[in-house]
Structures are given as structure tokens and as C-alpha cells.
Protein backbone atom coordinates (compact mmCIF):
# COMPACT_ATOMS: atom_id res chain seq x y z
CA GLY A 1 -14.16 13.14 -40.28
CA LYS A 2 -13.21 13.42 -43.87
CA ARG A 3 -11.36 16.45 -43.49
CA ASN A 4 -9.23 14.85 -40.82
CA ARG A 5 -8.11 12.17 -43.12
CA LEU A 6 -7.62 14.45 -46.33
CA SER A 7 -5.34 16.95 -44.17
CA ALA A 8 -3.21 13.76 -42.65
CA SER A 9 -2.88 12.52 -45.93
CA VAL A 10 -1.56 15.28 -47.67
CA MET A 11 0.95 16.02 -44.79
CA TYR A 12 2.35 12.70 -45.29
CA ASP A 13 2.76 12.78 -49.11
CA SER A 14 4.16 16.04 -49.20
CA ASP A 15 6.84 15.15 -46.58
CA GLU A 16 8.06 12.05 -48.60
CA SER A 17 7.89 13.70 -52.11
CA GLU A 18 9.46 17.22 -51.53
CA GLY A 19 7.18 18.91 -53.78
CA SER A 20 7.22 16.11 -56.75
CA ASP A 21 4.14 15.31 -59.00
CA ILE A 22 2.40 12.40 -56.55
CA LEU A 23 1.56 15.29 -53.86
CA VAL A 24 -0.43 17.28 -56.76
CA ARG A 25 -2.03 14.43 -58.13
CA LYS A 26 -3.24 13.13 -54.58
CA VAL A 27 -4.59 16.65 -53.66
CA SER A 28 -6.57 16.90 -56.91
CA ALA A 29 -7.91 13.33 -56.68
CA LYS A 30 -9.13 13.93 -53.08
CA ARG A 31 -10.73 17.57 -53.20
CA ARG A 32 -11.87 17.27 -56.93
CA CYS A 33 -11.67 21.10 -57.72
CA ILE A 34 -7.97 21.96 -56.81
CA LEU A 35 -5.91 22.00 -60.16
CA ASP A 36 -7.38 22.08 -63.60
CA ASP A 37 -6.74 19.68 -66.37
CA ASP A 38 -4.06 21.59 -68.14
CA GLU A 39 -1.96 21.99 -64.82
CA SER A 40 -2.17 17.97 -64.37
CA SER A 41 -1.56 17.12 -67.89
CA LYS A 42 1.62 19.23 -68.14
CA GLU A 43 2.93 17.66 -64.76
CA GLN A 44 2.19 14.23 -65.79
CA HIS A 45 4.63 14.73 -68.91
CA PRO A 46 7.37 16.72 -67.01
CA ASP A 47 10.47 17.79 -69.11
CA LYS A 48 13.04 14.89 -69.42
CA THR A 49 16.18 17.35 -69.61
CA GLY A 50 15.28 17.89 -65.68
CA PRO A 51 13.51 21.36 -63.95
CA THR A 52 15.98 23.99 -63.24
CA GLU A 53 15.91 25.28 -59.60
CA ASN A 54 13.37 28.27 -60.35
CA VAL A 55 10.96 25.97 -62.02
CA SER A 56 10.96 23.73 -58.41
CA THR A 57 10.21 26.63 -56.44
CA SER A 58 7.72 28.09 -58.55
CA LYS A 59 5.91 24.58 -58.16
CA LYS A 60 6.32 24.48 -54.58
CA GLN A 61 4.91 27.95 -54.04
CA LYS A 62 2.19 26.75 -56.22
CA VAL A 63 1.69 24.06 -54.12
CA LEU A 64 1.77 26.11 -51.01
CA GLU A 65 -0.74 28.48 -52.22
CA LYS A 66 -3.38 25.19 -52.79
CA LEU A 67 -2.77 24.10 -49.41
CA LYS A 68 -3.56 27.33 -47.78
CA GLU A 69 -6.61 27.65 -49.95
CA LEU A 70 -7.53 23.97 -48.61
CA VAL A 71 -7.39 25.27 -45.23
CA LYS A 72 -9.92 27.86 -45.71
CA GLN A 73 -12.20 25.78 -47.31
CA SER A 74 -11.98 23.25 -44.56
CA ALA A 75 -12.40 25.72 -42.16
CA ALA A 76 -15.64 27.18 -43.76
CA ARG A 77 -17.11 23.49 -44.29
CA ARG A 78 -16.23 22.58 -40.73
CA SER A 79 -18.24 25.61 -39.58
CA CYS A 80 -21.06 24.44 -41.57
CA ARG A 81 -21.04 20.90 -39.98
CA THR A 82 -20.65 22.05 -36.33
CA GLU A 83 -23.94 24.20 -37.08
CA ASN A 84 -26.10 21.47 -38.60
CA CYS A 85 -24.44 17.85 -37.25
CA GLU A 86 -22.33 18.41 -34.50
CA ASP A 87 -22.86 15.00 -32.97
CA SER A 88 -21.88 13.33 -36.04
CA ASN A 89 -18.52 15.48 -36.33
CA SER A 90 -17.66 14.52 -32.85
CA GLU A 91 -17.97 10.62 -33.39
CA GLU A 92 -16.17 10.95 -36.64
CA ALA A 93 -13.42 12.94 -35.20
CA ILE A 94 -12.77 10.41 -32.51
CA GLU A 95 -13.07 7.63 -34.92
CA GLU A 96 -10.21 9.07 -37.26
CA GLU A 97 -8.30 10.12 -34.04
CA PRO A 98 -5.52 7.50 -35.10
CA LEU A 99 -4.64 9.14 -38.06
CA HIS A 100 -3.27 12.46 -36.38
CA GLN A 101 -0.26 10.08 -35.05
CA LEU A 102 1.00 9.65 -38.47
CA PRO A 103 4.78 10.97 -38.17
CA LEU A 104 5.32 14.81 -39.79
CA ILE A 105 8.64 14.94 -41.44
CA PRO A 106 9.81 18.67 -41.85
CA SER A 107 10.20 19.63 -45.50
CA GLU A 108 13.34 20.73 -47.05
CA GLY A 109 12.00 23.36 -48.83
CA SER A 110 12.45 27.05 -48.09
CA GLU A 111 11.63 28.94 -44.64
CA THR A 112 8.38 29.91 -46.68
CA ASP A 113 7.68 26.19 -46.88
CA GLY A 114 8.19 26.09 -43.08
CA ASP A 115 5.79 28.65 -41.86
CA SER A 116 3.11 27.35 -44.20
CA LEU A 117 3.33 24.03 -42.92
CA LYS A 118 3.55 24.87 -39.54
CA ASP A 119 -0.06 27.00 -40.14
CA PHE A 120 -1.42 23.54 -41.65
CA VAL A 121 -0.39 21.43 -38.57
CA VAL A 122 -1.65 23.85 -36.21
CA GLU A 123 -5.00 23.15 -37.84
CA GLU A 124 -4.71 19.55 -37.20
CA ASP A 125 -3.83 20.15 -33.37
CA SER A 126 -6.48 22.32 -32.82
CA ASP A 127 -8.75 19.38 -34.19
CA ASP A 128 -6.97 16.93 -31.64
CA ASP A 129 -7.23 19.22 -28.61
CA ASP A 130 -11.20 19.47 -29.68
CA ILE A 131 -11.15 15.53 -29.40
CA GLY A 132 -9.60 15.69 -25.97
CA ASN A 133 -11.77 17.96 -24.75
CA LEU A 134 -15.01 15.84 -26.21
CA GLU A 135 -13.17 12.62 -24.50
CA HIS A 136 -12.60 14.63 -21.27
CA VAL A 137 -16.51 15.28 -21.21
CA LYS A 138 -17.58 11.84 -21.77
CA SER A 139 -15.04 10.45 -18.70
CA GLN A 140 -16.71 13.22 -16.72
CA ASN A 141 -20.37 12.07 -17.68
CA GLN A 142 -19.88 8.26 -17.71
CA PRO A 143 -20.78 6.84 -14.27
CA HIS A 144 -18.01 5.71 -12.24
CA GLN A 145 -17.94 1.78 -11.95
CA LYS A 146 -16.77 0.68 -8.48
CA GLN A 147 -13.92 -1.36 -8.73
CA PRO A 148 -13.16 -4.34 -6.03
CA ASN A 149 -10.29 -3.77 -3.53
CA PRO A 150 -7.49 -6.25 -3.97
CA SER A 151 -6.67 -6.44 -0.43
CA ASN A 152 -10.25 -7.11 0.54
CA ILE A 153 -10.15 -9.91 -1.73
CA SER A 154 -6.96 -11.10 -0.41
CA ARG A 155 -8.19 -10.78 3.06
CA CYS A 156 -11.53 -12.54 2.36
CA ASP A 157 -9.72 -15.62 0.77
CA HIS A 158 -6.98 -15.60 3.79
CA TYR A 159 -10.00 -16.00 6.25
CA VAL A 160 -11.85 -18.64 4.38
CA HIS A 161 -8.40 -20.63 4.37
CA PHE A 162 -8.34 -19.95 7.96
CA LYS A 163 -11.98 -20.94 8.94
CA ARG A 164 -11.33 -24.05 7.31
CA ILE A 165 -8.13 -24.89 9.08
CA VAL A 166 -10.44 -24.57 12.51
CA LYS A 167 -12.90 -26.68 10.69
CA ALA A 168 -10.27 -29.33 10.39
CA PHE A 169 -9.08 -29.07 13.74
CA LEU A 170 -12.19 -29.26 15.21
CA ILE A 171 -13.08 -32.74 13.61
CA ASN A 172 -9.58 -34.07 14.80
CA ALA A 173 -10.34 -33.11 18.19
CA ILE A 174 -12.99 -35.34 17.88
CA ASP A 175 -11.69 -37.81 15.78
CA ASP A 176 -7.78 -37.73 16.11
CA THR A 177 -6.97 -39.48 12.92
CA PHE A 178 -8.60 -37.10 10.53
CA LEU A 179 -5.30 -34.82 9.77
CA SER A 180 -3.24 -38.00 9.60
CA SER A 181 -5.40 -39.07 6.89
CA LEU A 182 -5.56 -35.86 5.28
CA TYR A 183 -1.70 -35.61 4.77
CA ASP A 184 -1.17 -39.45 3.67
CA GLY A 185 -3.95 -39.12 0.96
CA THR A 186 -6.47 -41.36 2.20
CA ARG A 187 -9.19 -38.68 1.97
CA GLN A 188 -9.93 -37.44 -1.30
CA LYS A 189 -13.37 -35.75 -1.08
CA LYS A 190 -13.48 -31.98 -2.38
CA TYR A 191 -13.76 -31.02 1.39
CA ALA A 192 -10.91 -32.95 2.45
CA GLN A 193 -8.32 -31.42 -0.27
CA ASP A 194 -9.69 -27.94 0.59
CA MET A 195 -8.75 -28.53 4.25
CA LEU A 196 -5.55 -29.55 3.14
CA LEU A 197 -4.73 -26.98 0.76
CA SER A 198 -5.86 -24.43 3.61
CA LEU A 199 -3.28 -26.02 5.68
CA HIS A 200 -0.48 -25.92 3.06
CA TYR A 201 -1.64 -22.16 2.55
CA LEU A 202 -0.94 -21.55 6.16
CA ASP A 203 2.33 -23.17 6.37
CA ASP A 204 3.91 -22.16 3.07
CA ARG A 205 2.59 -18.47 2.47
CA PHE A 206 1.77 -17.39 6.31
CA ILE A 207 3.95 -18.80 8.57
CA GLN A 208 7.20 -20.77 7.00
CA PRO A 209 8.60 -17.60 4.88
CA ARG A 210 8.49 -15.21 8.01
CA LEU A 211 10.27 -17.72 10.05
CA GLU A 212 12.78 -18.26 7.30
CA ASN A 213 13.17 -14.24 7.19
CA LEU A 214 13.67 -14.09 10.91
CA ILE A 215 16.31 -16.65 11.20
CA CYS A 216 18.74 -15.42 8.22
CA ARG A 217 18.48 -12.04 9.13
CA SER A 218 19.81 -13.06 12.85
CA ARG A 219 23.13 -14.34 14.58
CA TRP A 220 21.14 -17.37 16.47
CA LYS A 221 23.03 -20.45 16.79
CA ASP A 222 21.76 -23.80 15.22
CA ARG A 223 21.39 -25.23 18.75
CA TYR A 224 19.06 -22.19 20.03
CA LYS A 225 16.98 -22.48 17.16
CA GLU A 226 16.30 -26.03 17.58
CA ARG A 227 15.46 -25.60 21.09
CA VAL A 228 12.88 -22.67 20.42
CA ASP A 229 11.20 -25.22 17.64
CA CYS A 230 11.01 -28.03 20.01
CA TYR A 231 9.38 -26.58 22.85
CA PRO A 232 5.83 -25.06 22.31
CA ASP A 233 5.53 -23.02 25.48
CA VAL A 234 7.97 -19.93 26.40
CA ARG A 235 8.30 -17.50 29.37
CA ILE A 236 10.40 -14.61 28.58
CA SER A 237 11.23 -12.70 31.83
CA LEU A 238 13.33 -9.78 33.15
CA LYS A 239 16.23 -10.81 35.29
CA ASN A 240 19.20 -9.19 36.98
CA THR A 241 21.89 -7.76 34.42
CA LYS A 242 24.88 -10.05 33.30
CA ASN A 243 27.54 -9.21 30.87
CA MET A 244 28.20 -12.58 29.43
CA SER A 245 27.94 -14.55 26.10
CA CYS A 246 24.16 -14.52 24.81
CA GLN A 247 23.08 -18.07 24.86
CA ALA A 248 20.95 -17.35 21.52
CA CYS A 249 23.83 -15.82 19.24
CA GLU A 250 27.13 -16.51 21.66
CA LEU A 251 27.97 -12.76 21.33
CA LYS A 252 29.29 -10.87 24.08
CA ARG A 253 26.22 -8.82 25.40
CA CYS A 254 24.53 -7.03 28.55
CA CYS A 255 22.16 -10.09 29.17
CA ARG A 256 19.11 -9.39 31.35
CA PHE A 257 16.50 -11.74 30.21
CA ASN A 258 15.52 -15.87 30.99
CA VAL A 259 13.90 -17.45 28.22
CA LEU A 260 12.23 -20.48 29.53
CA LEU A 261 11.29 -23.24 27.09
CA SER A 262 8.76 -26.11 28.06
CA GLY A 263 6.07 -28.47 27.06
CA ARG A 264 5.74 -31.70 24.84
CA LEU A 265 7.19 -32.24 21.41
CA TYR A 266 4.62 -32.63 18.69
CA ASN A 267 4.11 -33.23 15.06
CA SER A 268 3.37 -30.22 12.97
CA LYS A 269 1.05 -31.63 10.35
CA THR A 270 -0.93 -34.33 12.55
CA MET A 271 -0.70 -32.50 15.99
CA GLU A 272 0.20 -35.75 17.74
CA VAL A 273 2.02 -35.36 20.65
CA ASP A 274 5.03 -36.86 22.05
CA ASP A 275 5.23 -37.91 25.67
CA PHE A 276 9.05 -38.21 25.85
CA MET A 277 10.57 -36.06 28.53
CA SER A 278 7.02 -34.26 28.77
CA ASN A 279 8.34 -32.26 31.73
CA ASP A 280 11.92 -31.15 30.32
CA LYS A 281 12.34 -27.35 30.77
CA GLN A 282 15.20 -25.15 29.27
CA VAL A 283 16.25 -21.73 30.83
CA LEU A 284 18.83 -19.69 28.81
CA LYS A 285 19.85 -16.17 29.44
CA VAL A 286 19.79 -14.03 26.13
CA GLY A 287 20.39 -10.16 25.40
CA ILE A 288 17.30 -7.98 24.49
CA VAL A 289 17.34 -8.17 20.63
CA CYS A 290 17.37 -12.05 21.10
CA ALA A 291 14.81 -12.06 23.61
CA ASN A 292 12.44 -9.95 21.28
CA ARG A 293 13.23 -12.33 18.26
CA THR A 294 12.41 -15.24 20.17
CA ARG A 295 9.13 -13.96 21.23
CA VAL A 296 8.25 -12.98 17.65
CA TYR A 297 9.60 -16.25 16.10
CA HIS A 298 7.90 -18.49 18.73
CA ASN A 299 4.65 -16.97 18.14
CA LEU A 300 4.74 -17.70 14.51
CA LYS A 301 6.43 -21.17 14.99
CA HIS A 302 3.83 -22.63 17.36
CA PHE A 303 0.77 -20.72 16.31
CA LYS A 304 -0.86 -23.40 14.55
CA TYR A 305 -0.44 -25.97 17.52
CA LYS A 306 -1.79 -23.38 19.86
CA LEU A 307 -4.93 -22.98 17.52
CA TYR A 308 -5.36 -26.74 17.66
CA MET A 309 -5.06 -26.93 21.51
CA ASP A 310 -7.87 -24.01 21.90
CA CYS A 311 -10.14 -25.80 19.26
CA SER A 312 -9.67 -29.53 21.08
CA SER A 313 -10.58 -27.34 24.31
CA VAL A 314 -13.96 -26.08 22.76
CA ALA A 315 -14.54 -29.41 21.68
CA GLY A 316 -13.79 -30.92 24.95
CA LEU A 317 -16.22 -28.54 26.77
CA ASP A 318 -19.13 -29.36 24.53
CA GLY A 319 -21.57 -31.43 26.55
CA VAL A 320 -23.89 -32.90 23.65
CA GLU A 321 -23.35 -36.20 23.11
CA ASP A 322 -24.84 -39.02 20.62
CA GLU A 323 -24.43 -36.79 17.83
CA PRO A 324 -22.79 -36.91 14.51
CA VAL A 325 -19.55 -35.60 13.97
CA LYS A 326 -20.52 -33.68 10.95
CA ASP A 327 -23.26 -32.08 13.13
CA THR A 328 -21.19 -31.36 15.96
CA VAL A 329 -18.54 -29.63 13.95
CA GLU A 330 -20.98 -27.57 12.09
CA ARG A 331 -22.87 -26.54 15.28
CA LEU A 332 -19.43 -25.36 17.03
CA LEU A 333 -18.12 -23.85 13.85
CA ASN A 334 -21.07 -21.43 13.71
CA HIS A 335 -21.00 -20.55 17.30
CA LEU A 336 -17.28 -20.12 17.36
CA GLU A 337 -17.82 -17.66 14.11
CA GLU A 338 -21.24 -15.99 15.42
CA SER A 339 -19.14 -15.00 18.80
CA GLY A 340 -16.12 -13.87 17.06
CA TRP A 341 -13.83 -16.30 18.14
CA ILE A 342 -12.63 -17.28 14.72
CA GLN A 343 -11.85 -13.55 13.55
CA LYS A 344 -10.06 -13.11 17.11
CA LYS A 345 -7.83 -15.89 16.57
CA TYR A 346 -7.32 -14.67 12.73
CA ASP A 347 -6.57 -11.02 14.07
CA GLY A 348 -3.98 -12.75 16.43
CA LEU A 349 -2.28 -14.37 13.62
CA GLU A 350 -2.10 -11.29 11.54
CA ASP A 351 -0.43 -9.43 14.56
CA TYR A 352 1.88 -12.02 14.77
CA MET A 353 2.77 -11.81 10.75
CA GLU A 354 2.95 -8.02 11.34
CA ASP A 355 5.47 -8.43 14.33
CA ALA A 356 7.98 -10.67 12.14
CA ASP A 357 7.45 -8.29 8.64
CA ASN A 358 8.75 -5.31 10.73
CA PHE A 359 11.18 -6.79 12.92
CA GLN A 360 14.42 -4.78 12.69
CA GLU A 361 17.39 -6.33 11.56
CA GLU A 362 20.11 -7.19 14.27
CA LYS A 363 22.97 -4.92 14.30
């Protein structure tokens, strides 16, 4: 470790001093037995008239000779340390590694100076290689710690949100005021706030961004979008081909698909249905691109309502009576999870989201 610190400091000072007195004093202080007192005293009192060029060159040559001697002594001492205390040297070398990052500025001396300095730098580089090898061996010997997979964590979080939503829908299927009390802030308990958070998560993170992306990349007219938004049921069927204006984008297309929209209007938060014109139906003729986009968009837009209707059917088929709502919901929820029903619905949502993400931009 001391060897590394010395060599780095010698190079750094010699680069800045260009063979001045400061380098000689530093070398003698660090190595203790480099120069004799006479030479040191002479250098401490330079001639005020200024050294000639020959004297400067002579001093540089003396310095280079001392540096070469230092390299030889350092190599000898290093081999001695390696035999006696290999482990301690390795640790010290690693601790002193930042000193090797000091900038090495080339000296303005002659070519002989440059060659000698290169030899000295090679000595340092070899030490860096040794340190790198030691670190490589250590990294191989250390056990690999298993890191958590971010995608698995994300999937787990999403499923937890989804399960909470199923539970909220089961409660609302038994008590149809539950969802409305969540959104109006009546229920402030932690479990209710968690369910509200999950409902917002489904809307704001899963569904709405993809719906907006599908719309902004389409040529749909607002009137067609509003129709698809209002009707929770859709049936797309292949019919006779007809060259006409597509009733979705109003562009000339080869239209061969009928889009049948039906179902009752509902509140997307509380799931309350509106019986006004409950039997109303809309039939629209569209091209193949708009037909596919309608299917993908409608699946996501009305997924939450369809999930609620399925949860209502499960609760309605339960024959147990005179049981507290909390117990009934927990029992139904455990049954749905153990049977894989919740996972199946969640997988369906992921498929719908993937369809929306992969939908081609309309040409």
C-alpha cells in the first residue's frame, strides 16, 4: 500500500515541477535514503543568477537515475512482501486503488525523460492489473444474491388490486349502496379506502390510457365513439360486402361487418343501471379496421361492468341465508380464488390490454 502511495505522489509532483527542487525534497522525505545531505543543502540554496540549460539537464538525469533506483527497490520490497504477507498486501492495494486515478501529465523533458517515465508508469499499471484480478476473483467467490424480479412484483401488485375489486363487487352485489358510499367518501375505514384505491388504479392505470390511445390513433367520429361507450353489449358479424362510407370513420371503405350494439346504460363507478330505453339497439356497418378496433375498444371499455355482472351472478347463485355480509363475502372470495376464477378473469384483462397495446395504427 505504501509503495502505491509513494509512486503516485512522485509522478504527480514531478509532472508539475518539471525537475524542480520540490520533487527532490519529496523523494528524500518519503524514501529517507535517496539523496545525501550535501545534495539536499545545495538544492535548497540555488544560484540566484539562474541555472543554465546544461545544469537543468544534469539535474533531470540525476532525478531519473534516482527514479530508476526507486523502481528496483520497490520491486524487491514487493516480492518480499508477497512471500510473507500476501493477504495484507492485497487488502492494502485495494484500499489504495483511488490513488492510481490521479492524472499523469507528460513531462516537458527530453525523449529520455519520457521513456523513463513510461517505465515507471508501467509499474503502476501492473499493480492495477493485479488489483483488478483480485477483485475479479473475489466477485467469483462471492455467492450470487437472488434479486427480486420487478415484473413479478408488479404482477403481484396488480393482482392484489384486482382481487380487492372483486371483493368490492361481491359486497355491492349484496349491498347495492356500497360502491356509491365509497365514491362519495362515506366510508373512511382502511379496507374501504384500499378498495377505492384499487378501483381508481384499474381505471387510471389499466383501462383509460389504452382507450385514449386507441381513440387518438383512429379516425372514428365522435358520434360512433359515444355509441360504443353507451352500450355494454356488442356483436360483430360478417355480412355481405358493400362499398360505402364506413359508419365509424365515414371514409370510403369496403364494408363487410355489422356492429350490433345493445344493453342498458350504466354508471361506470357505482354500476347502477338506467332502464331508460333498455331494449334499444344500434346496427352499424363498418370496414375491417374499424370492426377490429371496435372489438378491442369495447372489451376494455366495459370490462369492469362485465366483471361486476359476473360477481353479481356468483352472489345471486349462493344459497346460504342468514349469514353476515362479511362472512358471505369472505367465503365467496376464497372459493373464487381457490377455483382459479379470479385468476382467469385477471388473465382475460391482461389479454385485452395486450390487444390494445398491439393494435396497429390505422393507415
